[in-house]
């Protein structure tokens, strides 16, 4: 039996809060023991020692400590994602349509969304897109050491950008504390499957930065260093 909307929302918020509290902040320090062989600033090579050190960079701005912010173009926002599966009682089109219309509007209209959140993106893992990559999944990796691929068991990902983790927690608290949002979520989300969350940061390697999130550009299309002579 599916849980009630409010109960599902409260339990979800508690689990999300615990997950974010356990996420290390930028000031956390810990000792790292390098693995052997150590490939720090090295690349695989056909030479006898199996690596080229230092790595010969084509895009020199990504060499350690050389980018403008000295961190491979790390973006300034806190990125948070919720991974979930759709309510199996709904057809795919019905669930996706509701999520990107009614639920999207309810989320934007919620208290302080425009203050706490800088960006909200919905990733829809529809059947057509899964089918488009079936050949890759069925044939497996070109590198046998990496093993077989499989499609991740999620139908959607809600992605948010914020200034910090605290802003995300306030936003999620508002969402899961709102009985209307909770009831709507319970309509199209499978309440029998746990929500999964991820939190971290982006390093933008290729493409333009997201202005509303304070992003900075990576390497841009048309750069003459690209190896496009195929």
C-alpha atoms as a PDB file:
ATOM      1  CA  UNK A   1       0.000   0.000   0.000  1.00  0.00           C
ATOM      2  CA  UNK A   2       1.269   3.440  -0.866  1.00  0.00           C
ATOM      3  CA  UNK A   3       2.048   5.745   2.055  1.00  0.00           C
ATOM      4  CA  UNK A   4       0.134   8.946   2.568  1.00  0.00           C
ATOM      5  CA  UNK A   5       1.497  12.033   0.839  1.00  0.00           C
ATOM      6  CA  UNK A   6       2.339  13.865   4.052  1.00  0.00           C
ATOM      7  CA  UNK A   7       4.020  10.889   5.710  1.00  0.00           C
ATOM      8  CA  UNK A   8       6.037  10.202   2.569  1.00  0.00           C
ATOM      9  CA  UNK A   9       7.114  13.831   2.416  1.00  0.00           C
ATOM     10  CA  UNK A  10       8.176  14.059   6.064  1.00  0.00           C
ATOM     11  CA  UNK A  11      10.169  10.831   5.917  1.00  0.00           C
ATOM     12  CA  UNK A  12      11.785  11.935   2.683  1.00  0.00           C
ATOM     13  CA  UNK A  13      12.813  15.279   4.170  1.00  0.00           C
ATOM     14  CA  UNK A  14      14.364  13.623   7.206  1.00  0.00           C
ATOM     15  CA  UNK A  15      16.420  11.301   5.022  1.00  0.00           C
ATOM     16  CA  UNK A  16      17.491  14.151   2.740  1.00  0.00           C
ATOM     17  CA  UNK A  17      18.535  16.301   5.699  1.00  0.00           C
ATOM     18  CA  UNK A  18      20.642  13.485   7.107  1.00  0.00           C
ATOM     19  CA  UNK A  19      22.273  12.932   3.736  1.00  0.00           C
ATOM     20  CA  UNK A  20      23.207  16.581   3.347  1.00  0.00           C
ATOM     21  CA  UNK A  21      24.514  16.884   6.894  1.00  0.00           C
ATOM     22  CA  UNK A  22      26.885  13.992   6.205  1.00  0.00           C
ATOM     23  CA  UNK A  23      28.185  15.599   3.017  1.00  0.00           C
ATOM     24  CA  UNK A  24      31.669  17.044   3.668  1.00  0.00           C
ATOM     25  CA  UNK A  25      32.035  20.808   3.383  1.00  0.00           C
ATOM     26  CA  UNK A  26      34.809  22.514   1.485  1.00  0.00           C
ATOM     27  CA  UNK A  27      36.763  23.164   4.682  1.00  0.00           C
ATOM     28  CA  UNK A  28      36.917  19.501   5.720  1.00  0.00           C
ATOM     29  CA  UNK A  29      40.406  18.040   5.568  1.00  0.00           C
ATOM     30  CA  UNK A  30      41.427  14.424   5.544  1.00  0.00           C
ATOM     31  CA  UNK A  31      44.588  12.513   4.774  1.00  0.00           C
ATOM     32  CA  UNK A  32      44.662  10.726   1.441  1.00  0.00           C
ATOM     33  CA  UNK A  33      47.020   7.842   0.808  1.00  0.00           C
ATOM     34  CA  UNK A  34      47.823   7.770  -2.928  1.00  0.00           C
ATOM     35  CA  UNK A  35      47.101   4.493  -4.644  1.00  0.00           C
ATOM     36  CA  UNK A  36      49.821   2.604  -6.469  1.00  0.00           C
ATOM     37  CA  UNK A  37      50.688   3.122  -9.201  1.00  0.00           C
ATOM     38  CA  UNK A  38      50.207   6.840  -8.621  1.00  0.00           C
ATOM     39  CA  UNK A  39      48.891   8.584 -11.758  1.00  0.00           C
ATOM     40  CA  UNK A  40      48.814  12.108 -10.291  1.00  0.00           C
ATOM     41  CA  UNK A  41      49.280  14.484 -13.246  1.00  0.00           C
ATOM     42  CA  UNK A  42      50.262  11.505 -15.407  1.00  0.00           C
ATOM     43  CA  UNK A  43      48.563   9.813 -18.339  1.00  0.00           C
ATOM     44  CA  UNK A  44      48.666   6.212 -19.597  1.00  0.00           C
ATOM     45  CA  UNK A  45      51.495   5.592 -22.019  1.00  0.00           C
ATOM     46  CA  UNK A  46      52.805   2.767 -24.180  1.00  0.00           C
ATOM     47  CA  UNK A  47      56.253   3.364 -22.727  1.00  0.00           C
ATOM     48  CA  UNK A  48      57.921   0.799 -20.519  1.00  0.00           C
ATOM     49  CA  UNK A  49      56.820   2.440 -17.270  1.00  0.00           C
ATOM     50  CA  UNK A  50      53.222   2.645 -18.488  1.00  0.00           C
ATOM     51  CA  UNK A  51      52.702   6.352 -17.920  1.00  0.00           C
ATOM     52  CA  UNK A  52      53.734   9.781 -19.151  1.00  0.00           C
ATOM     53  CA  UNK A  53      54.673  12.241 -16.403  1.00  0.00           C
ATOM     54  CA  UNK A  54      53.850  15.007 -16.435  1.00  0.00           C
ATOM     55  CA  UNK A  55      50.859  14.646 -18.725  1.00  0.00           C
ATOM     56  CA  UNK A  56      51.262  16.660 -21.959  1.00  0.00           C
ATOM     57  CA  UNK A  57      48.214  18.923 -21.862  1.00  0.00           C
ATOM     58  CA  UNK A  58      46.491  19.944 -25.097  1.00  0.00           C
ATOM     59  CA  UNK A  59      44.253  22.271 -23.080  1.00  0.00           C
ATOM     60  CA  UNK A  60      46.834  23.750 -20.740  1.00  0.00           C
ATOM     61  CA  UNK A  61      44.271  25.607 -18.634  1.00  0.00           C
ATOM     62  CA  UNK A  62      43.339  22.271 -17.035  1.00  0.00           C
ATOM     63  CA  UNK A  63      46.827  21.526 -15.758  1.00  0.00           C
ATOM     64  CA  UNK A  64      46.806  21.477 -11.922  1.00  0.00           C
ATOM     65  CA  UNK A  65      46.612  24.949 -10.426  1.00  0.00           C
ATOM     66  CA  UNK A  66      46.577  26.864 -13.716  1.00  0.00           C
ATOM     67  CA  UNK A  67      42.884  27.610 -14.292  1.00  0.00           C
ATOM     68  CA  UNK A  68      41.571  31.044 -13.307  1.00  0.00           C
ATOM     69  CA  UNK A  69      40.178  29.665 -10.044  1.00  0.00           C
ATOM     70  CA  UNK A  70      42.974  27.055  -9.795  1.00  0.00           C
ATOM     71  CA  UNK A  71      40.432  24.238  -9.539  1.00  0.00           C
ATOM     72  CA  UNK A  72      39.671  23.134 -13.137  1.00  0.00           C
ATOM     73  CA  UNK A  73      36.861  25.683 -13.488  1.00  0.00           C
ATOM     74  CA  UNK A  74      34.872  24.593 -10.455  1.00  0.00           C
ATOM     75  CA  UNK A  75      31.485  26.287 -10.549  1.00  0.00           C
ATOM     76  CA  UNK A  76      30.388  28.408  -7.564  1.00  0.00           C
ATOM     77  CA  UNK A  77      26.988  26.830  -6.924  1.00  0.00           C
ATOM     78  CA  UNK A  78      25.989  23.892  -4.725  1.00  0.00           C
ATOM     79  CA  UNK A  79      24.394  21.189  -6.871  1.00  0.00           C
ATOM     80  CA  UNK A  80      21.738  18.881  -5.440  1.00  0.00           C
ATOM     81  CA  UNK A  81      19.837  16.092  -7.197  1.00  0.00           C
ATOM     82  CA  UNK A  82      16.895  13.876  -6.273  1.00  0.00           C
ATOM     83  CA  UNK A  83      16.638  10.583  -8.197  1.00  0.00           C
ATOM     84  CA  UNK A  84      13.290   8.814  -8.230  1.00  0.00           C
ATOM     85  CA  UNK A  85      10.994   6.403 -10.046  1.00  0.00           C
ATOM     86  CA  UNK A  86       7.565   7.249 -11.377  1.00  0.00           C
ATOM     87  CA  UNK A  87       4.291   5.920  -9.995  1.00  0.00           C
ATOM     88  CA  UNK A  88       3.814   2.594 -11.831  1.00  0.00           C
ATOM     89  CA  UNK A  89       0.053   3.148 -11.831  1.00  0.00           C
ATOM     90  CA  UNK A  90       0.533   5.954 -14.381  1.00  0.00           C
ATOM     91  CA  UNK A  91       1.660   5.624 -17.968  1.00  0.00           C
ATOM     92  CA  UNK A  92       4.982   7.268 -18.795  1.00  0.00           C
ATOM     93  CA  UNK A  93       3.490  10.156 -20.762  1.00  0.00           C
ATOM     94  CA  UNK A  94       0.993  10.892 -18.001  1.00  0.00           C
ATOM     95  CA  UNK A  95       3.621  10.968 -15.233  1.00  0.00           C
ATOM     96  CA  UNK A  96       6.111  13.069 -17.201  1.00  0.00           C
ATOM     97  CA  UNK A  97       3.462  15.524 -18.335  1.00  0.00           C
ATOM     98  CA  UNK A  98       2.257  16.095 -14.775  1.00  0.00           C
ATOM     99  CA  UNK A  99       5.782  16.539 -13.433  1.00  0.00           C
ATOM    100  CA  UNK A 100       6.769  19.186 -15.997  1.00  0.00           C
ATOM    101  CA  UNK A 101       3.513  21.142 -15.811  1.00  0.00           C
ATOM    102  CA  UNK A 102       1.523  21.045 -12.571  1.00  0.00           C
ATOM    103  CA  UNK A 103       4.362  20.001 -10.255  1.00  0.00           C
ATOM    104  CA  UNK A 104       6.783  22.432 -11.900  1.00  0.00           C
ATOM    105  CA  UNK A 105       4.371  25.296 -11.340  1.00  0.00           C
ATOM    106  CA  UNK A 106       3.674  24.317  -7.728  1.00  0.00           C
ATOM    107  CA  UNK A 107       7.413  24.186  -7.048  1.00  0.00           C
ATOM    108  CA  UNK A 108       8.097  27.606  -8.531  1.00  0.00           C
ATOM    109  CA  UNK A 109       5.127  29.152  -6.721  1.00  0.00           C
ATOM    110  CA  UNK A 110       6.234  27.766  -3.367  1.00  0.00           C
ATOM    111  CA  UNK A 111       7.505  30.060  -0.604  1.00  0.00           C
ATOM    112  CA  UNK A 112      11.026  31.458  -1.224  1.00  0.00           C
ATOM    113  CA  UNK A 113      11.836  29.303  -4.264  1.00  0.00           C
ATOM    114  CA  UNK A 114      13.121  32.360  -6.125  1.00  0.00           C
ATOM    115  CA  UNK A 115      15.324  33.280  -3.157  1.00  0.00           C
ATOM    116  CA  UNK A 116      16.763  29.926  -2.125  1.00  0.00           C
ATOM    117  CA  UNK A 117      17.228  28.270  -5.517  1.00  0.00           C
ATOM    118  CA  UNK A 118      19.174  29.518  -8.547  1.00  0.00           C
ATOM    119  CA  UNK A 119      18.233  26.769 -10.998  1.00  0.00           C
ATOM    120  CA  UNK A 120      15.736  23.888 -11.274  1.00  0.00           C
ATOM    121  CA  UNK A 121      16.051  21.297 -14.039  1.00  0.00           C
ATOM    122  CA  UNK A 122      14.008  18.160 -14.648  1.00  0.00           C
ATOM    123  CA  UNK A 123      15.722  15.192 -16.291  1.00  0.00           C
ATOM    124  CA  UNK A 124      13.194  12.843 -17.896  1.00  0.00           C
ATOM    125  CA  UNK A 125      14.556   9.326 -18.552  1.00  0.00           C
ATOM    126  CA  UNK A 126      11.877   8.316 -21.046  1.00  0.00           C
ATOM    127  CA  UNK A 127      11.609   4.960 -22.801  1.00  0.00           C
ATOM    128  CA  UNK A 128      12.547   6.398 -26.199  1.00  0.00           C
ATOM    129  CA  UNK A 129      15.858   7.714 -24.860  1.00  0.00           C
ATOM    130  CA  UNK A 130      16.633   4.425 -23.156  1.00  0.00           C
ATOM    131  CA  UNK A 131      15.958   2.597 -26.394  1.00  0.00           C
ATOM    132  CA  UNK A 132      18.302   4.973 -28.238  1.00  0.00           C
ATOM    133  CA  UNK A 133      21.268   3.736 -26.161  1.00  0.00           C
ATOM    134  CA  UNK A 134      20.286   0.065 -26.095  1.00  0.00           C
ATOM    135  CA  UNK A 135      23.065  -0.962 -28.491  1.00  0.00           C
ATOM    136  CA  UNK A 136      25.661   0.455 -26.105  1.00  0.00           C
ATOM    137  CA  UNK A 137      24.107  -1.251 -23.098  1.00  0.00           C
ATOM    138  CA  UNK A 138      23.692  -4.599 -24.873  1.00  0.00           C
ATOM    139  CA  UNK A 139      27.194  -4.780 -26.344  1.00  0.00           C
ATOM    140  CA  UNK A 140      28.965  -3.718 -23.171  1.00  0.00           C
ATOM    141  CA  UNK A 141      32.020  -1.577 -22.631  1.00  0.00           C
ATOM    142  CA  UNK A 142      34.832  -1.364 -25.162  1.00  0.00           C
ATOM    143  CA  UNK A 143      37.100  -1.768 -22.130  1.00  0.00           C
ATOM    144  CA  UNK A 144      36.575  -5.214 -20.640  1.00  0.00           C
ATOM    145  CA  UNK A 145      38.068  -4.091 -17.323  1.00  0.00           C
ATOM    146  CA  UNK A 146      35.151  -1.705 -16.790  1.00  0.00           C
ATOM    147  CA  UNK A 147      32.551  -4.458 -16.977  1.00  0.00           C
ATOM    148  CA  UNK A 148      29.022  -4.437 -18.354  1.00  0.00           C
ATOM    149  CA  UNK A 149      26.804  -1.350 -18.445  1.00  0.00           C
ATOM    150  CA  UNK A 150      23.236  -1.255 -17.235  1.00  0.00           C
ATOM    151  CA  UNK A 151      20.597   1.449 -17.315  1.00  0.00           C
ATOM    152  CA  UNK A 152      20.206   3.250 -13.986  1.00  0.00           C
ATOM    153  CA  UNK A 153      16.868   2.312 -12.369  1.00  0.00           C
ATOM    154  CA  UNK A 154      15.423   5.839 -12.248  1.00  0.00           C
ATOM    155  CA  UNK A 155      12.769   7.594 -14.296  1.00  0.00           C
ATOM    156  CA  UNK A 156      13.650  11.157 -13.370  1.00  0.00           C
ATOM    157  CA  UNK A 157      16.122  13.452 -11.660  1.00  0.00           C
ATOM    158  CA  UNK A 158      15.216  16.801 -10.126  1.00  0.00           C
ATOM    159  CA  UNK A 159      18.306  19.015 -10.104  1.00  0.00           C
ATOM    160  CA  UNK A 160      18.749  22.216  -8.121  1.00  0.00           C
ATOM    161  CA  UNK A 161      21.479  24.844  -7.884  1.00  0.00           C
ATOM    162  CA  UNK A 162      21.847  26.982  -4.767  1.00  0.00           C
ATOM    163  CA  UNK A 163      24.460  29.157  -3.100  1.00  0.00           C
ATOM    164  CA  UNK A 164      25.065  26.554  -0.398  1.00  0.00           C
ATOM    165  CA  UNK A 165      23.743  23.401   1.259  1.00  0.00           C
ATOM    166  CA  UNK A 166      21.821  25.436   3.825  1.00  0.00           C
ATOM    167  CA  UNK A 167      19.728  27.042   1.098  1.00  0.00           C
ATOM    168  CA  UNK A 168      18.933  23.605  -0.322  1.00  0.00           C
ATOM    169  CA  UNK A 169      17.845  22.293   3.073  1.00  0.00           C
ATOM    170  CA  UNK A 170      15.527  25.266   3.572  1.00  0.00           C
ATOM    171  CA  UNK A 171      14.054  24.787   0.105  1.00  0.00           C
ATOM    172  CA  UNK A 172      13.530  21.039   0.582  1.00  0.00           C
ATOM    173  CA  UNK A 173      12.049  21.701   4.014  1.00  0.00           C
ATOM    174  CA  UNK A 174       9.536  24.088   2.458  1.00  0.00           C
ATOM    175  CA  UNK A 175       8.660  21.565  -0.240  1.00  0.00           C
ATOM    176  CA  UNK A 176       8.264  18.501   1.958  1.00  0.00           C
ATOM    177  CA  UNK A 177       6.511  20.495   4.653  1.00  0.00           C
ATOM    178  CA  UNK A 178       3.843  21.671   2.227  1.00  0.00           C
ATOM    179  CA  UNK A 179       0.902  19.209   2.181  1.00  0.00           C
ATOM    180  CA  UNK A 180      -0.112  20.285  -1.329  1.00  0.00           C
ATOM    181  CA  UNK A 181       3.372  19.656  -2.728  1.00  0.00           C
ATOM    182  CA  UNK A 182       3.537  16.365  -0.839  1.00  0.00           C
ATOM    183  CA  UNK A 183       0.193  15.166  -2.124  1.00  0.00           C
ATOM    184  CA  UNK A 184       1.135  16.112  -5.665  1.00  0.00           C
ATOM    185  CA  UNK A 185       4.474  14.319  -5.359  1.00  0.00           C
ATOM    186  CA  UNK A 186       2.697  11.214  -4.130  1.00  0.00           C
ATOM    187  CA  UNK A 187       0.587  11.242  -7.291  1.00  0.00           C
ATOM    188  CA  UNK A 188       3.391  10.812  -9.827  1.00  0.00           C
ATOM    189  CA  UNK A 189       6.314   9.470  -7.722  1.00  0.00           C
ATOM    190  CA  UNK A 190       6.537   5.831  -6.633  1.00  0.00           C
ATOM    191  CA  UNK A 191       6.289   6.084  -2.848  1.00  0.00           C
ATOM    192  CA  UNK A 192       7.368   2.466  -2.428  1.00  0.00           C
ATOM    193  CA  UNK A 193      10.873   3.254  -3.707  1.00  0.00           C
ATOM    194  CA  UNK A 194      13.288   5.389  -1.690  1.00  0.00           C
ATOM    195  CA  UNK A 195      14.345   8.729  -3.071  1.00  0.00           C
ATOM    196  CA  UNK A 196      18.079   8.837  -3.757  1.00  0.00           C
ATOM    197  CA  UNK A 197      20.040  12.071  -3.447  1.00  0.00           C
ATOM    198  CA  UNK A 198      23.389  13.396  -4.613  1.00  0.00           C
ATOM    199  CA  UNK A 199      25.160  16.609  -3.699  1.00  0.00           C
ATOM    200  CA  UNK A 200      28.383  18.143  -4.907  1.00  0.00           C
ATOM    201  CA  UNK A 201      29.924  20.605  -7.340  1.00  0.00           C
ATOM    202  CA  UNK A 202      30.474  20.915 -11.103  1.00  0.00           C
ATOM    203  CA  UNK A 203      33.752  21.478 -12.885  1.00  0.00           C
ATOM    204  CA  UNK A 204      32.713  22.868 -16.250  1.00  0.00           C
ATOM    205  CA  UNK A 205      35.153  21.528 -18.806  1.00  0.00           C
ATOM    206  CA  UNK A 206      33.435  22.283 -22.110  1.00  0.00           C
ATOM    207  CA  UNK A 207      30.651  24.748 -22.789  1.00  0.00           C
ATOM    208  CA  UNK A 208      29.335  28.038 -21.498  1.00  0.00           C
ATOM    209  CA  UNK A 209      28.647  28.754 -17.849  1.00  0.00           C
ATOM    210  CA  UNK A 210      25.141  29.158 -16.432  1.00  0.00           C
ATOM    211  CA  UNK A 211      24.733  32.880 -15.811  1.00  0.00           C
ATOM    212  CA  UNK A 212      21.894  32.646 -13.292  1.00  0.00           C
ATOM    213  CA  UNK A 213      24.011  30.267 -11.201  1.00  0.00           C
ATOM    214  CA  UNK A 214      27.101  32.470 -11.413  1.00  0.00           C
ATOM    215  CA  UNK A 215      28.833  30.005 -13.714  1.00  0.00           C
ATOM    216  CA  UNK A 216      32.012  30.608 -15.694  1.00  0.00           C
ATOM    217  CA  UNK A 217      32.774  29.324 -19.199  1.00  0.00           C
ATOM    218  CA  UNK A 218      34.839  26.268 -19.949  1.00  0.00           C
ATOM    219  CA  UNK A 219      36.516  25.631 -23.290  1.00  0.00           C
ATOM    220  CA  UNK A 220      34.066  26.861 -25.935  1.00  0.00           C
ATOM    221  CA  UNK A 221      32.990  25.379 -29.293  1.00  0.00           C
ATOM    222  CA  UNK A 222      35.258  26.344 -32.162  1.00  0.00           C
ATOM    223  CA  UNK A 223      38.441  26.234 -30.118  1.00  0.00           C
ATOM    224  CA  UNK A 224      41.252  25.511 -32.641  1.00  0.00           C
ATOM    225  CA  UNK A 225      42.826  22.932 -30.351  1.00  0.00           C
ATOM    226  CA  UNK A 226      40.021  20.422 -30.920  1.00  0.00           C
ATOM    227  CA  UNK A 227      40.936  17.333 -32.927  1.00  0.00           C
ATOM    228  CA  UNK A 228      38.031  17.546 -35.369  1.00  0.00           C
ATOM    229  CA  UNK A 229      39.733  16.198 -38.501  1.00  0.00           C
ATOM    230  CA  UNK A 230      37.698  13.019 -38.742  1.00  0.00           C
END
